[in-house]
PDB file of N, CA and C in Angstrom:
ATOM      1  N   MET A   1       2.688   7.697 -47.369  1.00  0.00           N
ATOM      2  CA  MET A   1       3.090   8.982 -46.840  1.00  0.00           C
ATOM      3  C   MET A   1       4.056   8.737 -45.683  1.00  0.00           C
ATOM      4  N   GLU A   2       5.153   9.443 -45.687  1.00  0.00           N
ATOM      5  CA  GLU A   2       6.155   9.338 -44.633  1.00  0.00           C
ATOM      6  C   GLU A   2       6.124  10.599 -43.779  1.00  0.00           C
ATOM      7  N   LEU A   3       6.723  10.523 -42.620  1.00  0.00           N
ATOM      8  CA  LEU A   3       6.697  11.633 -41.667  1.00  0.00           C
ATOM      9  C   LEU A   3       7.135  12.951 -42.301  1.00  0.00           C
ATOM     10  N   HIS A   4       8.164  12.918 -43.119  1.00  0.00           N
ATOM     11  CA  HIS A   4       8.639  14.153 -43.759  1.00  0.00           C
ATOM     12  C   HIS A   4       7.724  14.612 -44.893  1.00  0.00           C
ATOM     13  N   GLU A   5       6.725  13.800 -45.236  1.00  0.00           N
ATOM     14  CA  GLU A   5       5.794  14.134 -46.319  1.00  0.00           C
ATOM     15  C   GLU A   5       4.432  14.590 -45.812  1.00  0.00           C
ATOM     16  N   ILE A   6       4.311  14.884 -44.518  1.00  0.00           N
ATOM     17  CA  ILE A   6       3.021  15.328 -43.982  1.00  0.00           C
ATOM     18  C   ILE A   6       2.603  16.600 -44.713  1.00  0.00           C
ATOM     19  N   PRO A   7       1.406  16.594 -45.304  1.00  0.00           N
ATOM     20  CA  PRO A   7       0.940  17.791 -45.995  1.00  0.00           C
ATOM     21  C   PRO A   7       0.859  18.987 -45.046  1.00  0.00           C
ATOM     22  N   ALA A   8       1.147  20.155 -45.552  1.00  0.00           N
ATOM     23  CA  ALA A   8       1.092  21.381 -44.737  1.00  0.00           C
ATOM     24  C   ALA A   8      -0.276  21.553 -44.091  1.00  0.00           C
ATOM     25  N   VAL A   9      -1.308  21.070 -44.747  1.00  0.00           N
ATOM     26  CA  VAL A   9      -2.663  21.178 -44.212  1.00  0.00           C
ATOM     27  C   VAL A   9      -2.752  20.553 -42.825  1.00  0.00           C
ATOM     28  N   PHE A  10      -2.053  19.443 -42.599  1.00  0.00           N
ATOM     29  CA  PHE A  10      -2.137  18.744 -41.326  1.00  0.00           C
ATOM     30  C   PHE A  10      -1.085  19.200 -40.322  1.00  0.00           C
ATOM     31  N   GLN A  11      -0.351  20.241 -40.636  1.00  0.00           N
ATOM     32  CA  GLN A  11       0.663  20.751 -39.722  1.00  0.00           C
ATOM     33  C   GLN A  11       0.125  21.880 -38.845  1.00  0.00           C
ATOM     34  N   SER A  12      -1.170  22.124 -38.934  1.00  0.00           N
ATOM     35  CA  SER A  12      -1.840  23.120 -38.097  1.00  0.00           C
ATOM     36  C   SER A  12      -2.881  22.399 -37.245  1.00  0.00           C
ATOM     37  N   ARG A  13      -2.847  22.639 -35.954  1.00  0.00           N
ATOM     38  CA  ARG A  13      -3.805  22.006 -35.047  1.00  0.00           C
ATOM     39  C   ARG A  13      -5.240  22.324 -35.457  1.00  0.00           C
ATOM     40  N   LEU A  14      -5.499  23.577 -35.818  1.00  0.00           N
ATOM     41  CA  LEU A  14      -6.853  23.981 -36.174  1.00  0.00           C
ATOM     42  C   LEU A  14      -7.318  23.308 -37.460  1.00  0.00           C
ATOM     43  N   ARG A  15      -6.476  23.299 -38.492  1.00  0.00           N
ATOM     44  CA  ARG A  15      -6.876  22.649 -39.744  1.00  0.00           C
ATOM     45  C   ARG A  15      -7.076  21.158 -39.537  1.00  0.00           C
ATOM     46  N   LEU A  16      -6.226  20.539 -38.756  1.00  0.00           N
ATOM     47  CA  LEU A  16      -6.362  19.119 -38.458  1.00  0.00           C
ATOM     48  C   LEU A  16      -7.673  18.854 -37.716  1.00  0.00           C
ATOM     49  N   ALA A  17      -8.013  19.709 -36.764  1.00  0.00           N
ATOM     50  CA  ALA A  17      -9.265  19.564 -36.013  1.00  0.00           C
ATOM     51  C   ALA A  17     -10.480  19.719 -36.926  1.00  0.00           C
ATOM     52  N   VAL A  18     -10.414  20.652 -37.858  1.00  0.00           N
ATOM     53  CA  VAL A  18     -11.517  20.863 -38.793  1.00  0.00           C
ATOM     54  C   VAL A  18     -11.722  19.626 -39.667  1.00  0.00           C
ATOM     55  N   VAL A  19     -10.653  19.119 -40.239  1.00  0.00           N
ATOM     56  CA  VAL A  19     -10.757  17.951 -41.107  1.00  0.00           C
ATOM     57  C   VAL A  19     -11.274  16.751 -40.316  1.00  0.00           C
ATOM     58  N   ALA A  20     -10.768  16.559 -39.108  1.00  0.00           N
ATOM     59  CA  ALA A  20     -11.233  15.445 -38.274  1.00  0.00           C
ATOM     60  C   ALA A  20     -12.723  15.592 -37.969  1.00  0.00           C
ATOM     61  N   ALA A  21     -13.159  16.792 -37.659  1.00  0.00           N
ATOM     62  CA  ALA A  21     -14.576  17.027 -37.364  1.00  0.00           C
ATOM     63  C   ALA A  21     -15.453  16.756 -38.577  1.00  0.00           C
ATOM     64  N   LEU A  22     -14.962  17.104 -39.754  1.00  0.00           N
ATOM     65  CA  LEU A  22     -15.754  16.921 -40.971  1.00  0.00           C
ATOM     66  C   LEU A  22     -15.777  15.467 -41.446  1.00  0.00           C
ATOM     67  N   MET A  23     -14.918  14.618 -40.898  1.00  0.00           N
ATOM     68  CA  MET A  23     -14.939  13.196 -41.267  1.00  0.00           C
ATOM     69  C   MET A  23     -16.270  12.553 -40.887  1.00  0.00           C
ATOM     70  N   THR A  24     -16.965  13.100 -39.901  1.00  0.00           N
ATOM     71  CA  THR A  24     -18.251  12.527 -39.480  1.00  0.00           C
ATOM     72  C   THR A  24     -19.433  13.130 -40.232  1.00  0.00           C
ATOM     73  N   GLY A  25     -19.158  14.083 -41.117  1.00  0.00           N
ATOM     74  CA  GLY A  25     -20.227  14.673 -41.919  1.00  0.00           C
ATOM     75  C   GLY A  25     -20.122  16.186 -41.960  1.00  0.00           C
ATOM     76  N   PRO A  26     -20.922  16.807 -42.829  1.00  0.00           N
ATOM     77  CA  PRO A  26     -20.895  18.267 -42.982  1.00  0.00           C
ATOM     78  C   PRO A  26     -21.223  18.988 -41.674  1.00  0.00           C
ATOM     79  N   LYS A  27     -20.633  20.156 -41.511  1.00  0.00           N
ATOM     80  CA  LYS A  27     -20.868  20.987 -40.334  1.00  0.00           C
ATOM     81  C   LYS A  27     -20.957  22.442 -40.781  1.00  0.00           C
ATOM     82  N   ASP A  28     -21.765  23.222 -40.067  1.00  0.00           N
ATOM     83  CA  ASP A  28     -21.820  24.646 -40.387  1.00  0.00           C
ATOM     84  C   ASP A  28     -20.700  25.387 -39.642  1.00  0.00           C
ATOM     85  N   PHE A  29     -20.485  26.616 -40.046  1.00  0.00           N
ATOM     86  CA  PHE A  29     -19.377  27.414 -39.521  1.00  0.00           C
ATOM     87  C   PHE A  29     -19.467  27.576 -38.012  1.00  0.00           C
ATOM     88  N   THR A  30     -20.660  27.859 -37.512  1.00  0.00           N
ATOM     89  CA  THR A  30     -20.840  28.058 -36.070  1.00  0.00           C
ATOM     90  C   THR A  30     -20.478  26.801 -35.298  1.00  0.00           C
ATOM     91  N   THR A  31     -20.910  25.656 -35.774  1.00  0.00           N
ATOM     92  CA  THR A  31     -20.593  24.387 -35.124  1.00  0.00           C
ATOM     93  C   THR A  31     -19.091  24.156 -35.109  1.00  0.00           C
ATOM     94  N   LEU A  32     -18.427  24.415 -36.243  1.00  0.00           N
ATOM     95  CA  LEU A  32     -16.976  24.229 -36.314  1.00  0.00           C
ATOM     96  C   LEU A  32     -16.241  25.187 -35.371  1.00  0.00           C
ATOM     97  N   THR A  33     -16.751  26.398 -35.231  1.00  0.00           N
ATOM     98  CA  THR A  33     -16.140  27.354 -34.304  1.00  0.00           C
ATOM     99  C   THR A  33     -16.177  26.797 -32.881  1.00  0.00           C
ATOM    100  N   LYS A  34     -17.323  26.237 -32.505  1.00  0.00           N
ATOM    101  CA  LYS A  34     -17.469  25.675 -31.152  1.00  0.00           C
ATOM    102  C   LYS A  34     -16.622  24.414 -30.979  1.00  0.00           C
ATOM    103  N   LEU A  35     -16.653  23.520 -31.960  1.00  0.00           N
ATOM    104  CA  LEU A  35     -15.909  22.264 -31.859  1.00  0.00           C
ATOM    105  C   LEU A  35     -14.402  22.481 -31.757  1.00  0.00           C
ATOM    106  N   THR A  36     -13.913  23.492 -32.458  1.00  0.00           N
ATOM    107  CA  THR A  36     -12.468  23.740 -32.494  1.00  0.00           C
ATOM    108  C   THR A  36     -12.009  24.790 -31.493  1.00  0.00           C
ATOM    109  N   ASP A  37     -12.973  25.413 -30.815  1.00  0.00           N
ATOM    110  CA  ASP A  37     -12.667  26.459 -29.841  1.00  0.00           C
ATOM    111  C   ASP A  37     -11.797  27.548 -30.467  1.00  0.00           C
ATOM    112  N   SER A  38     -12.195  27.972 -31.666  1.00  0.00           N
ATOM    113  CA  SER A  38     -11.418  28.986 -32.378  1.00  0.00           C
ATOM    114  C   SER A  38     -12.250  30.255 -32.564  1.00  0.00           C
ATOM    115  N   THR A  39     -11.560  31.322 -32.918  1.00  0.00           N
ATOM    116  CA  THR A  39     -12.256  32.566 -33.213  1.00  0.00           C
ATOM    117  C   THR A  39     -12.785  32.506 -34.646  1.00  0.00           C
ATOM    118  N   PRO A  40     -13.868  33.208 -34.931  1.00  0.00           N
ATOM    119  CA  PRO A  40     -14.384  33.202 -36.303  1.00  0.00           C
ATOM    120  C   PRO A  40     -13.360  33.676 -37.334  1.00  0.00           C
ATOM    121  N   GLY A  41     -12.564  34.668 -36.981  1.00  0.00           N
ATOM    122  CA  GLY A  41     -11.558  35.180 -37.921  1.00  0.00           C
ATOM    123  C   GLY A  41     -10.502  34.149 -38.257  1.00  0.00           C
ATOM    124  N   ASN A  42      -9.980  33.481 -37.248  1.00  0.00           N
ATOM    125  CA  ASN A  42      -8.956  32.470 -37.462  1.00  0.00           C
ATOM    126  C   ASN A  42      -9.539  31.273 -38.208  1.00  0.00           C
ATOM    127  N   LEU A  43     -10.714  30.830 -37.801  1.00  0.00           N
ATOM    128  CA  LEU A  43     -11.336  29.691 -38.475  1.00  0.00           C
ATOM    129  C   LEU A  43     -11.626  30.022 -39.934  1.00  0.00           C
ATOM    130  N   GLY A  44     -12.138  31.215 -40.185  1.00  0.00           N
ATOM    131  CA  GLY A  44     -12.447  31.619 -41.556  1.00  0.00           C
ATOM    132  C   GLY A  44     -11.228  31.557 -42.462  1.00  0.00           C
ATOM    133  N   LYS A  45     -10.111  32.027 -41.956  1.00  0.00           N
ATOM    134  CA  LYS A  45      -8.861  31.995 -42.734  1.00  0.00           C
ATOM    135  C   LYS A  45      -8.448  30.557 -43.042  1.00  0.00           C
ATOM    136  N   GLN A  46      -8.547  29.680 -42.051  1.00  0.00           N
ATOM    137  CA  GLN A  46      -8.156  28.281 -42.249  1.00  0.00           C
ATOM    138  C   GLN A  46      -9.119  27.564 -43.199  1.00  0.00           C
ATOM    139  N   MET A  47     -10.398  27.910 -43.131  1.00  0.00           N
ATOM    140  CA  MET A  47     -11.383  27.304 -44.032  1.00  0.00           C
ATOM    141  C   MET A  47     -11.096  27.713 -45.479  1.00  0.00           C
ATOM    142  N   GLU A  48     -10.728  28.962 -45.675  1.00  0.00           N
ATOM    143  CA  GLU A  48     -10.367  29.430 -47.014  1.00  0.00           C
ATOM    144  C   GLU A  48      -9.185  28.637 -47.554  1.00  0.00           C
ATOM    145  N   LEU A  49      -8.188  28.415 -46.716  1.00  0.00           N
ATOM    146  CA  LEU A  49      -7.007  27.663 -47.128  1.00  0.00           C
ATOM    147  C   LEU A  49      -7.376  26.219 -47.472  1.00  0.00           C
ATOM    148  N   LEU A  50      -8.171  25.571 -46.616  1.00  0.00           N
ATOM    149  CA  LEU A  50      -8.584  24.194 -46.880  1.00  0.00           C
ATOM    150  C   LEU A  50      -9.399  24.088 -48.171  1.00  0.00           C
ATOM    151  N   GLU A  51     -10.236  25.071 -48.406  1.00  0.00           N
ATOM    152  CA  GLU A  51     -11.034  25.066 -49.639  1.00  0.00           C
ATOM    153  C   GLU A  51     -10.135  25.279 -50.861  1.00  0.00           C
ATOM    154  N   ALA A  52      -9.189  26.194 -50.764  1.00  0.00           N
ATOM    155  CA  ALA A  52      -8.268  26.461 -51.870  1.00  0.00           C
ATOM    156  C   ALA A  52      -7.412  25.242 -52.199  1.00  0.00           C
ATOM    157  N   GLU A  53      -7.067  24.447 -51.179  1.00  0.00           N
ATOM    158  CA  GLU A  53      -6.265  23.237 -51.372  1.00  0.00           C
ATOM    159  C   GLU A  53      -7.107  22.059 -51.876  1.00  0.00           C
ATOM    160  N   GLY A  54      -8.425  22.244 -51.945  1.00  0.00           N
ATOM    161  CA  GLY A  54      -9.296  21.189 -52.451  1.00  0.00           C
ATOM    162  C   GLY A  54      -9.710  20.160 -51.414  1.00  0.00           C
ATOM    163  N   TYR A  55      -9.520  20.476 -50.133  1.00  0.00           N
ATOM    164  CA  TYR A  55      -9.844  19.527 -49.073  1.00  0.00           C
ATOM    165  C   TYR A  55     -11.306  19.597 -48.650  1.00  0.00           C
ATOM    166  N   LEU A  56     -11.949  20.723 -48.876  1.00  0.00           N
ATOM    167  CA  LEU A  56     -13.353  20.830 -48.504  1.00  0.00           C
ATOM    168  C   LEU A  56     -14.109  21.701 -49.480  1.00  0.00           C
ATOM    169  N   SER A  57     -15.432  21.562 -49.409  1.00  0.00           N
ATOM    170  CA  SER A  57     -16.320  22.388 -50.221  1.00  0.00           C
ATOM    171  C   SER A  57     -17.232  23.157 -49.275  1.00  0.00           C
ATOM    172  N   CYS A  58     -17.757  24.253 -49.756  1.00  0.00           N
ATOM    173  CA  CYS A  58     -18.604  25.112 -48.944  1.00  0.00           C
ATOM    174  C   CYS A  58     -19.904  25.373 -49.685  1.00  0.00           C
ATOM    175  N   GLN A  59     -21.003  25.202 -48.968  1.00  0.00           N
ATOM    176  CA  GLN A  59     -22.316  25.531 -49.514  1.00  0.00           C
ATOM    177  C   GLN A  59     -22.863  26.699 -48.707  1.00  0.00           C
ATOM    178  N   LYS A  60     -23.200  27.786 -49.395  1.00  0.00           N
ATOM    179  CA  LYS A  60     -23.719  28.976 -48.722  1.00  0.00           C
ATOM    180  C   LYS A  60     -25.206  29.103 -49.007  1.00  0.00           C
ATOM    181  N   GLU A  61     -25.943  29.468 -47.963  1.00  0.00           N
ATOM    182  CA  GLU A  61     -27.383  29.663 -48.106  1.00  0.00           C
ATOM    183  C   GLU A  61     -27.824  30.758 -47.143  1.00  0.00           C
ATOM    184  N   LEU A  62     -29.015  31.271 -47.388  1.00  0.00           N
ATOM    185  CA  LEU A  62     -29.589  32.258 -46.488  1.00  0.00           C
ATOM    186  C   LEU A  62     -30.703  31.597 -45.686  1.00  0.00           C
ATOM    187  N   LEU A  63     -30.665  31.788 -44.389  1.00  0.00           N
ATOM    188  CA  LEU A  63     -31.740  31.349 -43.510  1.00  0.00           C
ATOM    189  C   LEU A  63     -32.409  32.607 -43.009  1.00  0.00           C
ATOM    190  N   GLY A  64     -33.507  32.960 -43.644  1.00  0.00           N
ATOM    191  CA  GLY A  64     -34.095  34.265 -43.379  1.00  0.00           C
ATOM    192  C   GLY A  64     -33.160  35.307 -43.942  1.00  0.00           C
ATOM    193  N   ARG A  65     -32.645  36.145 -43.090  1.00  0.00           N
ATOM    194  CA  ARG A  65     -31.680  37.167 -43.523  1.00  0.00           C
ATOM    195  C   ARG A  65     -30.254  36.822 -43.116  1.00  0.00           C
ATOM    196  N   ARG A  66     -30.077  35.666 -42.507  1.00  0.00           N
ATOM    197  CA  ARG A  66     -28.759  35.291 -42.010  1.00  0.00           C
ATOM    198  C   ARG A  66     -28.069  34.312 -42.954  1.00  0.00           C
ATOM    199  N   PRO A  67     -26.828  34.594 -43.289  1.00  0.00           N
ATOM    200  CA  PRO A  67     -26.081  33.643 -44.130  1.00  0.00           C
ATOM    201  C   PRO A  67     -25.644  32.432 -43.310  1.00  0.00           C
ATOM    202  N   ARG A  68     -25.575  31.295 -43.982  1.00  0.00           N
ATOM    203  CA  ARG A  68     -25.103  30.072 -43.331  1.00  0.00           C
ATOM    204  C   ARG A  68     -24.169  29.356 -44.293  1.00  0.00           C
ATOM    205  N   SER A  69     -22.978  29.052 -43.813  1.00  0.00           N
ATOM    206  CA  SER A  69     -21.997  28.316 -44.608  1.00  0.00           C
ATOM    207  C   SER A  69     -21.851  26.928 -44.013  1.00  0.00           C
ATOM    208  N   THR A  70     -22.029  25.915 -44.853  1.00  0.00           N
ATOM    209  CA  THR A  70     -21.885  24.533 -44.430  1.00  0.00           C
ATOM    210  C   THR A  70     -20.726  23.925 -45.198  1.00  0.00           C
ATOM    211  N   TYR A  71     -19.841  23.254 -44.474  1.00  0.00           N
ATOM    212  CA  TYR A  71     -18.632  22.696 -45.059  1.00  0.00           C
ATOM    213  C   TYR A  71     -18.677  21.178 -45.054  1.00  0.00           C
ATOM    214  N   ALA A  72     -18.094  20.589 -46.093  1.00  0.00           N
ATOM    215  CA  ALA A  72     -17.985  19.136 -46.200  1.00  0.00           C
ATOM    216  C   ALA A  72     -16.631  18.808 -46.805  1.00  0.00           C
ATOM    217  N   LEU A  73     -16.090  17.653 -46.429  1.00  0.00           N
ATOM    218  CA  LEU A  73     -14.829  17.209 -47.017  1.00  0.00           C
ATOM    219  C   LEU A  73     -15.059  16.752 -48.448  1.00  0.00           C
ATOM    220  N   THR A  74     -14.096  17.023 -49.293  1.00  0.00           N
ATOM    221  CA  THR A  74     -14.091  16.470 -50.640  1.00  0.00           C
ATOM    222  C   THR A  74     -13.465  15.080 -50.565  1.00  0.00           C
ATOM    223  N   GLU A  75     -13.512  14.342 -51.644  1.00  0.00           N
ATOM    224  CA  GLU A  75     -12.867  13.031 -51.668  1.00  0.00           C
ATOM    225  C   GLU A  75     -11.364  13.177 -51.440  1.00  0.00           C
ATOM    226  N   THR A  76     -10.780  14.238 -51.982  1.00  0.00           N
ATOM    227  CA  THR A  76      -9.355  14.515 -51.762  1.00  0.00           C
ATOM    228  C   THR A  76      -9.072  14.704 -50.277  1.00  0.00           C
ATOM    229  N   GLY A  77      -9.921  15.453 -49.607  1.00  0.00           N
ATOM    230  CA  GLY A  77      -9.756  15.686 -48.177  1.00  0.00           C
ATOM    231  C   GLY A  77      -9.859  14.402 -47.378  1.00  0.00           C
ATOM    232  N   ARG A  78     -10.845  13.577 -47.716  1.00  0.00           N
ATOM    233  CA  ARG A  78     -11.033  12.299 -47.010  1.00  0.00           C
ATOM    234  C   ARG A  78      -9.835  11.370 -47.223  1.00  0.00           C
ATOM    235  N   GLU A  79      -9.412  11.235 -48.477  1.00  0.00           N
ATOM    236  CA  GLU A  79      -8.295  10.340 -48.788  1.00  0.00           C
ATOM    237  C   GLU A  79      -7.005  10.812 -48.118  1.00  0.00           C
ATOM    238  N   SER A  80      -6.761  12.107 -48.130  1.00  0.00           N
ATOM    239  CA  SER A  80      -5.545  12.648 -47.505  1.00  0.00           C
ATOM    240  C   SER A  80      -5.556  12.426 -46.004  1.00  0.00           C
ATOM    241  N   PHE A  81      -6.707  12.620 -45.372  1.00  0.00           N
ATOM    242  CA  PHE A  81      -6.789  12.412 -43.930  1.00  0.00           C
ATOM    243  C   PHE A  81      -6.598  10.934 -43.588  1.00  0.00           C
ATOM    244  N   ARG A  82      -7.203  10.057 -44.372  1.00  0.00           N
ATOM    245  CA  ARG A  82      -7.029   8.620 -44.131  1.00  0.00           C
ATOM    246  C   ARG A  82      -5.555   8.215 -44.263  1.00  0.00           C
ATOM    247  N   ALA A  83      -4.881   8.739 -45.286  1.00  0.00           N
ATOM    248  CA  ALA A  83      -3.459   8.431 -45.470  1.00  0.00           C
ATOM    249  C   ALA A  83      -2.639   8.958 -44.292  1.00  0.00           C
ATOM    250  N   TYR A  84      -2.989  10.121 -43.795  1.00  0.00           N
ATOM    251  CA  TYR A  84      -2.304  10.705 -42.636  1.00  0.00           C
ATOM    252  C   TYR A  84      -2.498   9.818 -41.404  1.00  0.00           C
ATOM    253  N   VAL A  85      -3.733   9.379 -41.159  1.00  0.00           N
ATOM    254  CA  VAL A  85      -4.020   8.518 -40.012  1.00  0.00           C
ATOM    255  C   VAL A  85      -3.285   7.187 -40.150  1.00  0.00           C
ATOM    256  N   GLN A  86      -3.255   6.622 -41.347  1.00  0.00           N
ATOM    257  CA  GLN A  86      -2.533   5.360 -41.553  1.00  0.00           C
ATOM    258  C   GLN A  86      -1.046   5.522 -41.278  1.00  0.00           C
ATOM    259  N   MET A  87      -0.481   6.662 -41.674  1.00  0.00           N
ATOM    260  CA  MET A  87       0.930   6.921 -41.409  1.00  0.00           C
ATOM    261  C   MET A  87       1.170   6.983 -39.901  1.00  0.00           C
ATOM    262  N   LEU A  88       0.299   7.658 -39.171  1.00  0.00           N
ATOM    263  CA  LEU A  88       0.442   7.735 -37.718  1.00  0.00           C
ATOM    264  C   LEU A  88       0.320   6.359 -37.079  1.00  0.00           C
ATOM    265  N   GLU A  89      -0.597   5.537 -37.589  1.00  0.00           N
ATOM    266  CA  GLU A  89      -0.762   4.175 -37.059  1.00  0.00           C
ATOM    267  C   GLU A  89       0.501   3.343 -37.283  1.00  0.00           C
ATOM    268  N   ARG A  90       1.137   3.519 -38.451  1.00  0.00           N
ATOM    269  CA  ARG A  90       2.386   2.804 -38.718  1.00  0.00           C
ATOM    270  C   ARG A  90       3.476   3.233 -37.746  1.00  0.00           C
ATOM    271  N   ILE A  91       3.560   4.529 -37.476  1.00  0.00           N
ATOM    272  CA  ILE A  91       4.584   5.055 -36.573  1.00  0.00           C
ATOM    273  C   ILE A  91       4.344   4.535 -35.161  1.00  0.00           C
ATOM    274  N   VAL A  92       3.112   4.625 -34.694  1.00  0.00           N
ATOM    275  CA  VAL A  92       2.786   4.180 -33.333  1.00  0.00           C
ATOM    276  C   VAL A  92       2.943   2.664 -33.201  1.00  0.00           C
ATOM    277  N   GLY A  93       2.605   1.950 -34.270  1.00  0.00           N
ATOM    278  CA  GLY A  93       2.720   0.486 -34.244  1.00  0.00           C
ATOM    279  C   GLY A  93       4.108  -0.013 -34.546  1.00  0.00           C
ATOM    280  N   GLY A  94       5.021   0.889 -34.871  1.00  0.00           N
ATOM    281  CA  GLY A  94       6.396   0.506 -35.141  1.00  0.00           C
ATOM    282  C   GLY A  94       6.585  -0.182 -36.485  1.00  0.00           C
ATOM    283  N   GLN A  95       5.640   0.021 -37.398  1.00  0.00           N
ATOM    284  CA  GLN A  95       5.757  -0.580 -38.731  1.00  0.00           C
ATOM    285  C   GLN A  95       6.534   0.356 -39.647  1.00  0.00           C
ATOM    286  N   PRO A  96       7.258  -0.208 -40.599  1.00  0.00           N
ATOM    287  CA  PRO A  96       8.018   0.640 -41.539  1.00  0.00           C
ATOM    288  C   PRO A  96       7.114   1.345 -42.516  1.00  0.00           C
TER     289      PRO A  96
END
């Protein structure tokens, strides 16, 4: 991946923060809202986009009467993020 090939998913600070947070394991919506310091509306929109692009999956469940959405990266999401990080390492390290 080259600088001009950065996926649109990683061109948003919020989406990048979500993917980075999910690299350590699944997180629920409330946790992601706190970790990213985002509003529920904005985060919800970005989560929909990431899910539509195949970067994450969502598991919905009811806890009592309250819904809970838990998100996890797909293999596509993990591989894309790793490739993005490797590209940044090449740039910072001055490698072609």
